[in-house]
């Protein structure tokens, strides 16, 4: 069985019931999530050995966050305890032409105060095959960024494959700050996952004339972007997600993958039209599906199709976590997804 480690922040999610606006809500639905935690949960669900590393406060809310991933089979033995608070984010789910809105309350959370030397990365990576992180983690501050670089160095020393989902967050840092930190970290990365905004904001690469908000995709531009990223940073593989945003409720969803097996042009996946229940975690579910596929499948084209189908299913599930099985993803790939009742 393959072994994967992820490192990042898990947060308390407070979302308005249904499609209520913040000003309407008299209560919030409680759940937990965060980029790397979401990936760890998905991978455990596919049957891999999955470790999540973070720092959590030693009170009941920190324990609740820990248990939220442990209940789905994620190994939490390397989580560091300490600090005073868990980060929070508030979610108002959009519908039709009204977009979803997120408000963060994560300043001074436990993981932002993590320090170099707190995590025994050499021990953690012994016997592991894969390490995954996102651009959210170094954006949390200089201390998480330093610990992340420690992890990347230890992973490369141990011969572990490293993947990164660029995940630019404008509420955490500027383009200039992102590029200053992210570009050097790319030297550790084997598999890069991005969309057109991430690639531009973090690394300065553009995807032709694509306008996602106008639901227009310049497919040649995306292919060129993937090839340029692979060439510039010598990645083993580059995956680009292709989202066509017709409204907050309906998106087109597909992706492409460029690696050494795709010859002159990247592979393009099947395209799905999605009626969205919850978009949060959609990119993380793609990353997890791709990691699983590249670790466990013979062909990278099959890995790409698995990743896109897994993410398609996530958009139908409330909460950050993609609570689907490997069999459900494979069934969608074969059937195309009629959504008929199973009796």
C-alpha atoms as a PDB file:
ATOM      1  CA  UNK A   1       0.000   0.000   0.000  1.00  0.00           C
ATOM      2  CA  UNK A   2       1.291   3.479  -0.932  1.00  0.00           C
ATOM      3  CA  UNK A   3       2.089   6.082   1.740  1.00  0.00           C
ATOM      4  CA  UNK A   4       1.350   9.806   1.374  1.00  0.00           C
ATOM      5  CA  UNK A   5       2.061  12.764   3.681  1.00  0.00           C
ATOM      6  CA  UNK A   6       0.391  16.196   3.495  1.00  0.00           C
ATOM      7  CA  UNK A   7       1.205  19.362   5.470  1.00  0.00           C
ATOM      8  CA  UNK A   8      -0.932  22.457   5.965  1.00  0.00           C
ATOM      9  CA  UNK A   9      -3.717  24.127   7.944  1.00  0.00           C
ATOM     10  CA  UNK A  10      -7.083  22.699   8.899  1.00  0.00           C
ATOM     11  CA  UNK A  11      -9.766  25.207   9.829  1.00  0.00           C
ATOM     12  CA  UNK A  12     -13.161  25.372  11.469  1.00  0.00           C
ATOM     13  CA  UNK A  13     -15.726  25.995   8.731  1.00  0.00           C
ATOM     14  CA  UNK A  14     -18.894  27.894   9.634  1.00  0.00           C
ATOM     15  CA  UNK A  15     -21.310  27.926   6.697  1.00  0.00           C
ATOM     16  CA  UNK A  16     -24.761  29.401   6.367  1.00  0.00           C
ATOM     17  CA  UNK A  17     -27.534  26.787   6.047  1.00  0.00           C
ATOM     18  CA  UNK A  18     -28.546  26.064   2.467  1.00  0.00           C
ATOM     19  CA  UNK A  19     -28.071  29.140   0.337  1.00  0.00           C
ATOM     20  CA  UNK A  20     -28.775  31.740   3.025  1.00  0.00           C
ATOM     21  CA  UNK A  21     -26.800  34.964   3.079  1.00  0.00           C
ATOM     22  CA  UNK A  22     -24.703  35.954   6.087  1.00  0.00           C
ATOM     23  CA  UNK A  23     -27.227  38.653   7.046  1.00  0.00           C
ATOM     24  CA  UNK A  24     -30.033  36.085   7.046  1.00  0.00           C
ATOM     25  CA  UNK A  25     -28.360  33.361   9.056  1.00  0.00           C
ATOM     26  CA  UNK A  26     -29.383  32.731  12.659  1.00  0.00           C
ATOM     27  CA  UNK A  27     -27.040  29.733  12.896  1.00  0.00           C
ATOM     28  CA  UNK A  28     -24.075  28.135  11.104  1.00  0.00           C
ATOM     29  CA  UNK A  29     -23.355  24.586  10.040  1.00  0.00           C
ATOM     30  CA  UNK A  30     -20.072  23.351  11.555  1.00  0.00           C
ATOM     31  CA  UNK A  31     -17.461  21.284   9.728  1.00  0.00           C
ATOM     32  CA  UNK A  32     -13.689  21.290   9.237  1.00  0.00           C
ATOM     33  CA  UNK A  33     -11.433  21.493   6.220  1.00  0.00           C
ATOM     34  CA  UNK A  34      -8.332  22.832   4.550  1.00  0.00           C
ATOM     35  CA  UNK A  35      -6.434  22.121   1.353  1.00  0.00           C
ATOM     36  CA  UNK A  36      -3.972  19.500   2.525  1.00  0.00           C
ATOM     37  CA  UNK A  37      -6.367  17.936   5.042  1.00  0.00           C
ATOM     38  CA  UNK A  38      -8.920  17.538   2.251  1.00  0.00           C
ATOM     39  CA  UNK A  39      -6.339  15.700   0.142  1.00  0.00           C
ATOM     40  CA  UNK A  40      -5.395  13.429   3.047  1.00  0.00           C
ATOM     41  CA  UNK A  41      -9.037  12.452   3.632  1.00  0.00           C
ATOM     42  CA  UNK A  42      -9.582  11.624  -0.051  1.00  0.00           C
ATOM     43  CA  UNK A  43      -6.466   9.468  -0.242  1.00  0.00           C
ATOM     44  CA  UNK A  44      -7.415   7.540   2.887  1.00  0.00           C
ATOM     45  CA  UNK A  45     -10.808   6.933   1.292  1.00  0.00           C
ATOM     46  CA  UNK A  46      -9.111   5.420  -1.757  1.00  0.00           C
ATOM     47  CA  UNK A  47      -7.273   2.968   0.483  1.00  0.00           C
ATOM     48  CA  UNK A  48      -3.854   4.602   0.765  1.00  0.00           C
ATOM     49  CA  UNK A  49      -1.943   5.155   4.007  1.00  0.00           C
ATOM     50  CA  UNK A  50      -2.453   8.883   4.536  1.00  0.00           C
ATOM     51  CA  UNK A  51      -0.704  11.152   7.070  1.00  0.00           C
ATOM     52  CA  UNK A  52      -1.712  14.765   7.784  1.00  0.00           C
ATOM     53  CA  UNK A  53       0.772  17.073   9.531  1.00  0.00           C
ATOM     54  CA  UNK A  54      -0.217  20.399  11.076  1.00  0.00           C
ATOM     55  CA  UNK A  55      -0.210  22.217  14.431  1.00  0.00           C
ATOM     56  CA  UNK A  56      -3.372  22.357  16.540  1.00  0.00           C
ATOM     57  CA  UNK A  57      -4.253  23.931  19.895  1.00  0.00           C
ATOM     58  CA  UNK A  58      -4.616  21.589  22.863  1.00  0.00           C
ATOM     59  CA  UNK A  59      -8.234  22.398  23.577  1.00  0.00           C
ATOM     60  CA  UNK A  60     -11.542  20.853  22.581  1.00  0.00           C
ATOM     61  CA  UNK A  61     -11.856  22.675  19.241  1.00  0.00           C
ATOM     62  CA  UNK A  62      -8.346  21.593  18.258  1.00  0.00           C
ATOM     63  CA  UNK A  63      -9.267  18.039  19.229  1.00  0.00           C
ATOM     64  CA  UNK A  64     -12.463  18.235  17.184  1.00  0.00           C
ATOM     65  CA  UNK A  65     -10.441  19.258  14.122  1.00  0.00           C
ATOM     66  CA  UNK A  66      -8.055  16.357  14.683  1.00  0.00           C
ATOM     67  CA  UNK A  67     -10.905  13.881  15.046  1.00  0.00           C
ATOM     68  CA  UNK A  68     -12.590  15.229  11.902  1.00  0.00           C
ATOM     69  CA  UNK A  69      -9.815  13.750   9.743  1.00  0.00           C
ATOM     70  CA  UNK A  70      -9.046  10.743  11.945  1.00  0.00           C
ATOM     71  CA  UNK A  71     -12.624   9.468  11.581  1.00  0.00           C
ATOM     72  CA  UNK A  72     -11.989   9.017   7.851  1.00  0.00           C
ATOM     73  CA  UNK A  73      -8.824   6.992   8.317  1.00  0.00           C
ATOM     74  CA  UNK A  74      -6.150   9.702   8.232  1.00  0.00           C
ATOM     75  CA  UNK A  75      -3.097   9.108  10.459  1.00  0.00           C
ATOM     76  CA  UNK A  76      -2.634  12.052  12.852  1.00  0.00           C
ATOM     77  CA  UNK A  77       0.313  10.818  14.946  1.00  0.00           C
ATOM     78  CA  UNK A  78       2.675  13.548  13.706  1.00  0.00           C
ATOM     79  CA  UNK A  79       0.358  16.503  14.396  1.00  0.00           C
ATOM     80  CA  UNK A  80       2.069  19.033  16.690  1.00  0.00           C
ATOM     81  CA  UNK A  81       0.007  20.431  19.572  1.00  0.00           C
ATOM     82  CA  UNK A  82       0.237  23.984  20.884  1.00  0.00           C
ATOM     83  CA  UNK A  83      -0.905  27.552  20.342  1.00  0.00           C
ATOM     84  CA  UNK A  84      -4.167  29.193  21.339  1.00  0.00           C
ATOM     85  CA  UNK A  85      -6.586  29.032  18.435  1.00  0.00           C
ATOM     86  CA  UNK A  86      -7.817  27.221  15.373  1.00  0.00           C
ATOM     87  CA  UNK A  87      -8.323  29.268  12.230  1.00  0.00           C
ATOM     88  CA  UNK A  88     -11.926  29.857  11.143  1.00  0.00           C
ATOM     89  CA  UNK A  89     -13.538  30.554   7.820  1.00  0.00           C
ATOM     90  CA  UNK A  90     -17.119  31.611   7.162  1.00  0.00           C
ATOM     91  CA  UNK A  91     -18.825  30.447   3.961  1.00  0.00           C
ATOM     92  CA  UNK A  92     -21.885  31.850   2.221  1.00  0.00           C
ATOM     93  CA  UNK A  93     -22.786  29.461  -0.614  1.00  0.00           C
ATOM     94  CA  UNK A  94     -23.720  31.239  -3.825  1.00  0.00           C
ATOM     95  CA  UNK A  95     -26.342  30.261  -6.366  1.00  0.00           C
ATOM     96  CA  UNK A  96     -27.091  31.188  -9.967  1.00  0.00           C
ATOM     97  CA  UNK A  97     -25.404  34.541 -10.673  1.00  0.00           C
ATOM     98  CA  UNK A  98     -24.603  35.227  -6.985  1.00  0.00           C
ATOM     99  CA  UNK A  99     -21.081  34.030  -6.140  1.00  0.00           C
ATOM    100  CA  UNK A 100     -20.060  32.235  -2.970  1.00  0.00           C
ATOM    101  CA  UNK A 101     -18.254  34.350  -0.380  1.00  0.00           C
ATOM    102  CA  UNK A 102     -15.557  33.409   2.119  1.00  0.00           C
ATOM    103  CA  UNK A 103     -14.456  35.456   5.146  1.00  0.00           C
ATOM    104  CA  UNK A 104     -11.316  34.326   6.992  1.00  0.00           C
ATOM    105  CA  UNK A 105     -10.569  34.621  10.704  1.00  0.00           C
ATOM    106  CA  UNK A 106      -7.234  32.818  10.838  1.00  0.00           C
ATOM    107  CA  UNK A 107      -4.720  35.376  12.186  1.00  0.00           C
ATOM    108  CA  UNK A 108      -2.455  33.949  14.915  1.00  0.00           C
ATOM    109  CA  UNK A 109      -3.795  30.421  14.499  1.00  0.00           C
ATOM    110  CA  UNK A 110      -1.655  27.612  15.899  1.00  0.00           C
ATOM    111  CA  UNK A 111      -0.137  26.599  12.579  1.00  0.00           C
ATOM    112  CA  UNK A 112       0.959  30.167  11.777  1.00  0.00           C
ATOM    113  CA  UNK A 113       3.189  29.968  14.870  1.00  0.00           C
ATOM    114  CA  UNK A 114       4.801  26.641  14.003  1.00  0.00           C
ATOM    115  CA  UNK A 115       8.612  26.818  14.189  1.00  0.00           C
ATOM    116  CA  UNK A 116      11.520  25.128  12.475  1.00  0.00           C
ATOM    117  CA  UNK A 117      12.516  21.983  14.317  1.00  0.00           C
ATOM    118  CA  UNK A 118       9.042  21.235  15.705  1.00  0.00           C
ATOM    119  CA  UNK A 119       8.417  18.479  13.155  1.00  0.00           C
ATOM    120  CA  UNK A 120      10.690  15.451  12.734  1.00  0.00           C
ATOM    121  CA  UNK A 121      10.463  15.314   8.950  1.00  0.00           C
ATOM    122  CA  UNK A 122      13.262  12.772   8.561  1.00  0.00           C
ATOM    123  CA  UNK A 123      11.297  10.269  10.638  1.00  0.00           C
ATOM    124  CA  UNK A 124       8.002  11.128   8.944  1.00  0.00           C
ATOM    125  CA  UNK A 125       9.294  10.508   5.410  1.00  0.00           C
ATOM    126  CA  UNK A 126      10.877   7.158   6.183  1.00  0.00           C
ATOM    127  CA  UNK A 127       9.108   4.602   3.986  1.00  0.00           C
ATOM    128  CA  UNK A 128       6.835   7.178   2.319  1.00  0.00           C
ATOM    129  CA  UNK A 129       6.316   7.659  -1.431  1.00  0.00           C
ATOM    130  CA  UNK A 130       4.638  11.069  -1.759  1.00  0.00           C
ATOM    131  CA  UNK A 131       4.482  14.501  -0.097  1.00  0.00           C
ATOM    132  CA  UNK A 132       1.811  17.077  -0.978  1.00  0.00           C
ATOM    133  CA  UNK A 133       1.474  20.744  -0.064  1.00  0.00           C
ATOM    134  CA  UNK A 134      -0.327  23.819  -1.405  1.00  0.00           C
ATOM    135  CA  UNK A 135       0.557  27.469  -1.885  1.00  0.00           C
ATOM    136  CA  UNK A 136      -1.735  28.318   1.026  1.00  0.00           C
ATOM    137  CA  UNK A 137       0.774  27.022   3.583  1.00  0.00           C
ATOM    138  CA  UNK A 138       3.738  29.344   2.812  1.00  0.00           C
ATOM    139  CA  UNK A 139       1.252  32.232   2.481  1.00  0.00           C
ATOM    140  CA  UNK A 140       0.395  31.857   6.179  1.00  0.00           C
ATOM    141  CA  UNK A 141       3.655  33.524   7.189  1.00  0.00           C
ATOM    142  CA  UNK A 142       7.442  33.166   7.329  1.00  0.00           C
ATOM    143  CA  UNK A 143       7.396  30.434   9.982  1.00  0.00           C
ATOM    144  CA  UNK A 144       5.075  28.034   8.098  1.00  0.00           C
ATOM    145  CA  UNK A 145       7.067  28.785   4.936  1.00  0.00           C
ATOM    146  CA  UNK A 146      10.333  27.879   6.681  1.00  0.00           C
ATOM    147  CA  UNK A 147       8.866  24.635   8.049  1.00  0.00           C
ATOM    148  CA  UNK A 148       7.521  23.794   4.603  1.00  0.00           C
ATOM    149  CA  UNK A 149      10.978  24.237   3.077  1.00  0.00           C
ATOM    150  CA  UNK A 150      12.365  21.932   5.779  1.00  0.00           C
ATOM    151  CA  UNK A 151       9.786  19.355   4.757  1.00  0.00           C
ATOM    152  CA  UNK A 152      10.608  19.679   1.068  1.00  0.00           C
ATOM    153  CA  UNK A 153      14.333  19.269   1.687  1.00  0.00           C
ATOM    154  CA  UNK A 154      13.732  16.186   3.835  1.00  0.00           C
ATOM    155  CA  UNK A 155      11.342  14.718   1.264  1.00  0.00           C
ATOM    156  CA  UNK A 156      13.838  15.095  -1.573  1.00  0.00           C
ATOM    157  CA  UNK A 157      16.604  13.614   0.581  1.00  0.00           C
ATOM    158  CA  UNK A 158      14.372  10.600   1.256  1.00  0.00           C
ATOM    159  CA  UNK A 159      13.543  10.172  -2.450  1.00  0.00           C
ATOM    160  CA  UNK A 160       9.888  11.115  -1.937  1.00  0.00           C
ATOM    161  CA  UNK A 161       7.878  12.557  -4.845  1.00  0.00           C
ATOM    162  CA  UNK A 162       6.697  16.113  -4.065  1.00  0.00           C
ATOM    163  CA  UNK A 163       3.519  17.664  -5.457  1.00  0.00           C
ATOM    164  CA  UNK A 164       2.280  21.224  -5.091  1.00  0.00           C
ATOM    165  CA  UNK A 165      -1.099  22.775  -5.835  1.00  0.00           C
ATOM    166  CA  UNK A 166      -0.199  26.448  -6.345  1.00  0.00           C
ATOM    167  CA  UNK A 167      -3.490  27.727  -4.823  1.00  0.00           C
ATOM    168  CA  UNK A 168      -2.952  31.502  -4.827  1.00  0.00           C
ATOM    169  CA  UNK A 169      -5.016  33.309  -2.169  1.00  0.00           C
ATOM    170  CA  UNK A 170      -5.238  37.082  -2.618  1.00  0.00           C
ATOM    171  CA  UNK A 171      -6.473  37.526   0.973  1.00  0.00           C
ATOM    172  CA  UNK A 172      -3.210  36.057   2.295  1.00  0.00           C
ATOM    173  CA  UNK A 173      -0.520  37.728   0.180  1.00  0.00           C
ATOM    174  CA  UNK A 174       0.236  39.793  -2.914  1.00  0.00           C
ATOM    175  CA  UNK A 175       1.450  38.518  -6.289  1.00  0.00           C
ATOM    176  CA  UNK A 176       4.906  39.927  -5.554  1.00  0.00           C
ATOM    177  CA  UNK A 177       5.085  38.150  -2.197  1.00  0.00           C
ATOM    178  CA  UNK A 178       3.811  34.908  -3.698  1.00  0.00           C
ATOM    179  CA  UNK A 179       6.355  34.864  -6.509  1.00  0.00           C
ATOM    180  CA  UNK A 180       9.241  35.665  -4.172  1.00  0.00           C
ATOM    181  CA  UNK A 181       8.424  32.652  -2.004  1.00  0.00           C
ATOM    182  CA  UNK A 182       6.921  30.194  -4.477  1.00  0.00           C
ATOM    183  CA  UNK A 183       9.458  30.341  -7.297  1.00  0.00           C
ATOM    184  CA  UNK A 184      12.387  29.019  -5.179  1.00  0.00           C
ATOM    185  CA  UNK A 185      10.152  26.279  -3.725  1.00  0.00           C
ATOM    186  CA  UNK A 186       9.484  24.950  -7.225  1.00  0.00           C
ATOM    187  CA  UNK A 187      12.980  23.440  -7.252  1.00  0.00           C
ATOM    188  CA  UNK A 188      11.657  20.752  -4.879  1.00  0.00           C
ATOM    189  CA  UNK A 189       8.464  20.008  -6.835  1.00  0.00           C
ATOM    190  CA  UNK A 190       7.978  17.026  -9.154  1.00  0.00           C
ATOM    191  CA  UNK A 191       4.254  17.406  -9.921  1.00  0.00           C
ATOM    192  CA  UNK A 192       2.716  20.878 -10.242  1.00  0.00           C
ATOM    193  CA  UNK A 193      -1.057  21.419 -10.118  1.00  0.00           C
ATOM    194  CA  UNK A 194      -2.568  24.769 -11.047  1.00  0.00           C
ATOM    195  CA  UNK A 195      -5.281  26.727 -12.769  1.00  0.00           C
ATOM    196  CA  UNK A 196      -4.683  29.755 -14.951  1.00  0.00           C
ATOM    197  CA  UNK A 197      -4.910  32.270 -12.065  1.00  0.00           C
ATOM    198  CA  UNK A 198      -2.535  30.320  -9.828  1.00  0.00           C
ATOM    199  CA  UNK A 199       0.079  30.046 -12.560  1.00  0.00           C
ATOM    200  CA  UNK A 200      -0.061  33.766 -13.288  1.00  0.00           C
ATOM    201  CA  UNK A 201      -0.177  35.067  -9.721  1.00  0.00           C
ATOM    202  CA  UNK A 202       2.420  32.654  -8.272  1.00  0.00           C
ATOM    203  CA  UNK A 203       4.802  32.100 -11.169  1.00  0.00           C
ATOM    204  CA  UNK A 204       4.062  34.759 -13.797  1.00  0.00           C
ATOM    205  CA  UNK A 205       2.823  32.431 -16.581  1.00  0.00           C
ATOM    206  CA  UNK A 206      -0.416  33.092 -18.492  1.00  0.00           C
ATOM    207  CA  UNK A 207      -2.899  30.846 -20.338  1.00  0.00           C
ATOM    208  CA  UNK A 208      -3.433  32.722 -23.589  1.00  0.00           C
ATOM    209  CA  UNK A 209      -6.751  34.543 -23.980  1.00  0.00           C
ATOM    210  CA  UNK A 210      -8.723  32.464 -21.453  1.00  0.00           C
ATOM    211  CA  UNK A 211     -11.513  34.274 -19.593  1.00  0.00           C
ATOM    212  CA  UNK A 212     -13.010  31.870 -17.052  1.00  0.00           C
ATOM    213  CA  UNK A 213     -15.749  34.289 -15.969  1.00  0.00           C
ATOM    214  CA  UNK A 214     -16.860  34.477 -19.618  1.00  0.00           C
ATOM    215  CA  UNK A 215     -16.736  30.646 -19.789  1.00  0.00           C
ATOM    216  CA  UNK A 216     -14.162  30.902 -22.578  1.00  0.00           C
ATOM    217  CA  UNK A 217     -11.206  28.535 -22.610  1.00  0.00           C
ATOM    218  CA  UNK A 218      -8.233  29.001 -24.885  1.00  0.00           C
ATOM    219  CA  UNK A 219      -7.270  25.331 -24.965  1.00  0.00           C
ATOM    220  CA  UNK A 220      -4.089  25.969 -26.917  1.00  0.00           C
ATOM    221  CA  UNK A 221      -3.163  28.587 -24.333  1.00  0.00           C
ATOM    222  CA  UNK A 222      -3.602  26.090 -21.523  1.00  0.00           C
ATOM    223  CA  UNK A 223      -1.529  23.484 -23.348  1.00  0.00           C
ATOM    224  CA  UNK A 224       1.209  26.046 -23.942  1.00  0.00           C
ATOM    225  CA  UNK A 225       1.064  27.028 -20.252  1.00  0.00           C
ATOM    226  CA  UNK A 226       1.551  23.420 -19.148  1.00  0.00           C
ATOM    227  CA  UNK A 227       4.476  22.911 -21.516  1.00  0.00           C
ATOM    228  CA  UNK A 228       6.147  26.162 -20.481  1.00  0.00           C
ATOM    229  CA  UNK A 229       5.836  25.357 -16.777  1.00  0.00           C
ATOM    230  CA  UNK A 230       7.282  21.888 -17.283  1.00  0.00           C
ATOM    231  CA  UNK A 231      10.161  23.272 -19.312  1.00  0.00           C
ATOM    232  CA  UNK A 232      10.942  26.148 -16.930  1.00  0.00           C
ATOM    233  CA  UNK A 233      10.983  24.100 -13.715  1.00  0.00           C
ATOM    234  CA  UNK A 234      11.760  20.626 -15.055  1.00  0.00           C
ATOM    235  CA  UNK A 235       8.617  19.188 -13.478  1.00  0.00           C
ATOM    236  CA  UNK A 236       7.889  15.507 -14.060  1.00  0.00           C
ATOM    237  CA  UNK A 237       4.248  16.419 -14.664  1.00  0.00           C
ATOM    238  CA  UNK A 238       2.030  19.504 -14.840  1.00  0.00           C
ATOM    239  CA  UNK A 239      -1.751  19.327 -14.400  1.00  0.00           C
ATOM    240  CA  UNK A 240      -3.965  22.284 -15.293  1.00  0.00           C
ATOM    241  CA  UNK A 241      -7.638  22.354 -14.279  1.00  0.00           C
ATOM    242  CA  UNK A 242     -10.050  23.889 -16.790  1.00  0.00           C
ATOM    243  CA  UNK A 243     -13.119  25.473 -15.222  1.00  0.00           C
ATOM    244  CA  UNK A 244     -15.809  27.155 -17.329  1.00  0.00           C
ATOM    245  CA  UNK A 245     -17.899  29.276 -14.974  1.00  0.00           C
ATOM    246  CA  UNK A 246     -21.365  29.760 -16.447  1.00  0.00           C
ATOM    247  CA  UNK A 247     -22.747  30.677 -13.006  1.00  0.00           C
ATOM    248  CA  UNK A 248     -22.180  29.872  -9.337  1.00  0.00           C
ATOM    249  CA  UNK A 249     -24.450  26.866  -9.839  1.00  0.00           C
ATOM    250  CA  UNK A 250     -23.196  25.462 -13.146  1.00  0.00           C
ATOM    251  CA  UNK A 251     -19.622  24.915 -14.326  1.00  0.00           C
ATOM    252  CA  UNK A 252     -17.848  23.037 -17.057  1.00  0.00           C
ATOM    253  CA  UNK A 253     -15.024  20.940 -15.604  1.00  0.00           C
ATOM    254  CA  UNK A 254     -12.064  19.187 -17.210  1.00  0.00           C
ATOM    255  CA  UNK A 255      -8.270  19.208 -17.050  1.00  0.00           C
ATOM    256  CA  UNK A 256      -5.117  18.491 -18.968  1.00  0.00           C
ATOM    257  CA  UNK A 257      -1.864  16.798 -18.013  1.00  0.00           C
ATOM    258  CA  UNK A 258       1.576  17.193 -19.514  1.00  0.00           C
ATOM    259  CA  UNK A 259       4.299  14.690 -18.656  1.00  0.00           C
ATOM    260  CA  UNK A 260       7.011  12.745 -20.437  1.00  0.00           C
ATOM    261  CA  UNK A 261       4.414  10.264 -21.743  1.00  0.00           C
ATOM    262  CA  UNK A 262       2.229  12.893 -23.421  1.00  0.00           C
ATOM    263  CA  UNK A 263       4.720  13.514 -26.245  1.00  0.00           C
ATOM    264  CA  UNK A 264       4.314  16.873 -27.978  1.00  0.00           C
ATOM    265  CA  UNK A 265       0.933  17.912 -26.549  1.00  0.00           C
ATOM    266  CA  UNK A 266      -0.741  17.413 -23.150  1.00  0.00           C
ATOM    267  CA  UNK A 267      -3.537  14.902 -22.525  1.00  0.00           C
ATOM    268  CA  UNK A 268      -7.040  16.422 -22.274  1.00  0.00           C
ATOM    269  CA  UNK A 269      -9.623  14.760 -20.053  1.00  0.00           C
ATOM    270  CA  UNK A 270     -13.311  14.176 -20.549  1.00  0.00           C
ATOM    271  CA  UNK A 271     -15.402  17.277 -19.831  1.00  0.00           C
ATOM    272  CA  UNK A 272     -18.230  17.278 -17.268  1.00  0.00           C
ATOM    273  CA  UNK A 273     -21.044  19.792 -16.849  1.00  0.00           C
ATOM    274  CA  UNK A 274     -21.583  20.175 -13.111  1.00  0.00           C
ATOM    275  CA  UNK A 275     -24.587  21.444 -11.158  1.00  0.00           C
ATOM    276  CA  UNK A 276     -22.796  22.582  -8.011  1.00  0.00           C
ATOM    277  CA  UNK A 277     -23.810  21.763  -4.451  1.00  0.00           C
ATOM    278  CA  UNK A 278     -20.497  22.850  -2.860  1.00  0.00           C
ATOM    279  CA  UNK A 279     -17.486  24.021  -4.836  1.00  0.00           C
ATOM    280  CA  UNK A 280     -15.106  24.299  -1.849  1.00  0.00           C
ATOM    281  CA  UNK A 281     -12.526  21.515  -1.962  1.00  0.00           C
ATOM    282  CA  UNK A 282     -13.030  20.846  -5.666  1.00  0.00           C
ATOM    283  CA  UNK A 283      -9.404  21.537  -6.513  1.00  0.00           C
ATOM    284  CA  UNK A 284      -8.175  19.478  -3.554  1.00  0.00           C
ATOM    285  CA  UNK A 285     -10.261  16.511  -4.697  1.00  0.00           C
ATOM    286  CA  UNK A 286      -8.645  16.804  -8.130  1.00  0.00           C
ATOM    287  CA  UNK A 287      -5.173  16.857  -6.572  1.00  0.00           C
ATOM    288  CA  UNK A 288      -5.959  13.787  -4.460  1.00  0.00           C
ATOM    289  CA  UNK A 289      -7.335  11.913  -7.454  1.00  0.00           C
ATOM    290  CA  UNK A 290      -4.262  12.753  -9.492  1.00  0.00           C
ATOM    291  CA  UNK A 291      -1.904  11.641  -6.705  1.00  0.00           C
ATOM    292  CA  UNK A 292      -3.787   8.372  -6.353  1.00  0.00           C
ATOM    293  CA  UNK A 293      -3.768   7.803 -10.099  1.00  0.00           C
ATOM    294  CA  UNK A 294      -0.085   8.563 -10.589  1.00  0.00           C
ATOM    295  CA  UNK A 295       0.816   6.279  -7.679  1.00  0.00           C
ATOM    296  CA  UNK A 296      -1.484   3.370  -8.472  1.00  0.00           C
ATOM    297  CA  UNK A 297      -2.293   3.376 -12.200  1.00  0.00           C
ATOM    298  CA  UNK A 298      -0.168   2.293 -15.143  1.00  0.00           C
ATOM    299  CA  UNK A 299      -0.962   5.257 -17.401  1.00  0.00           C
ATOM    300  CA  UNK A 300      -0.968   8.969 -16.598  1.00  0.00           C
ATOM    301  CA  UNK A 301      -3.957   9.474 -18.903  1.00  0.00           C
ATOM    302  CA  UNK A 302      -5.981   7.181 -16.611  1.00  0.00           C
ATOM    303  CA  UNK A 303      -4.721   9.156 -13.600  1.00  0.00           C
ATOM    304  CA  UNK A 304      -6.012  12.363 -15.173  1.00  0.00           C
ATOM    305  CA  UNK A 305      -9.448  10.887 -15.877  1.00  0.00           C
ATOM    306  CA  UNK A 306      -9.660   9.590 -12.306  1.00  0.00           C
ATOM    307  CA  UNK A 307      -8.760  13.030 -10.913  1.00  0.00           C
ATOM    308  CA  UNK A 308     -11.352  14.889 -12.988  1.00  0.00           C
ATOM    309  CA  UNK A 309     -14.107  12.377 -12.207  1.00  0.00           C
ATOM    310  CA  UNK A 310     -13.296  12.461  -8.479  1.00  0.00           C
ATOM    311  CA  UNK A 311     -13.493  16.239  -8.472  1.00  0.00           C
ATOM    312  CA  UNK A 312     -16.733  16.184 -10.443  1.00  0.00           C
ATOM    313  CA  UNK A 313     -18.285  14.065  -7.676  1.00  0.00           C
ATOM    314  CA  UNK A 314     -16.928  16.365  -4.937  1.00  0.00           C
ATOM    315  CA  UNK A 315     -18.941  19.268  -6.312  1.00  0.00           C
ATOM    316  CA  UNK A 316     -22.082  17.334  -5.312  1.00  0.00           C
ATOM    317  CA  UNK A 317     -21.075  16.909  -1.642  1.00  0.00           C
ATOM    318  CA  UNK A 318     -21.498  19.544   1.114  1.00  0.00           C
ATOM    319  CA  UNK A 319     -18.359  20.237   3.136  1.00  0.00           C
ATOM    320  CA  UNK A 320     -14.663  20.340   2.293  1.00  0.00           C
ATOM    321  CA  UNK A 321     -14.068  16.578   2.199  1.00  0.00           C
ATOM    322  CA  UNK A 322     -14.635  14.419  -0.875  1.00  0.00           C
ATOM    323  CA  UNK A 323     -16.366  11.435   0.702  1.00  0.00           C
ATOM    324  CA  UNK A 324     -16.458   9.109  -2.286  1.00  0.00           C
ATOM    325  CA  UNK A 325     -14.927   5.700  -2.834  1.00  0.00           C
ATOM    326  CA  UNK A 326     -12.548   4.565  -5.535  1.00  0.00           C
ATOM    327  CA  UNK A 327     -15.365   2.419  -6.938  1.00  0.00           C
ATOM    328  CA  UNK A 328     -17.722   5.389  -7.238  1.00  0.00           C
ATOM    329  CA  UNK A 329     -15.119   7.361  -9.168  1.00  0.00           C
ATOM    330  CA  UNK A 330     -14.427   4.436 -11.487  1.00  0.00           C
ATOM    331  CA  UNK A 331     -18.148   3.968 -12.081  1.00  0.00           C
ATOM    332  CA  UNK A 332     -18.522   7.604 -13.110  1.00  0.00           C
ATOM    333  CA  UNK A 333     -15.634   7.249 -15.557  1.00  0.00           C
ATOM    334  CA  UNK A 334     -17.318   4.241 -17.170  1.00  0.00           C
ATOM    335  CA  UNK A 335     -20.896   5.535 -17.154  1.00  0.00           C
ATOM    336  CA  UNK A 336     -20.502   9.265 -17.720  1.00  0.00           C
ATOM    337  CA  UNK A 337     -22.800   9.951 -14.752  1.00  0.00           C
ATOM    338  CA  UNK A 338     -26.534   9.688 -15.350  1.00  0.00           C
ATOM    339  CA  UNK A 339     -27.324  10.377 -11.687  1.00  0.00           C
ATOM    340  CA  UNK A 340     -30.124   7.772 -11.686  1.00  0.00           C
ATOM    341  CA  UNK A 341     -31.265   6.324  -8.384  1.00  0.00           C
ATOM    342  CA  UNK A 342     -29.441   3.125  -7.436  1.00  0.00           C
ATOM    343  CA  UNK A 343     -31.773   0.539  -5.875  1.00  0.00           C
END
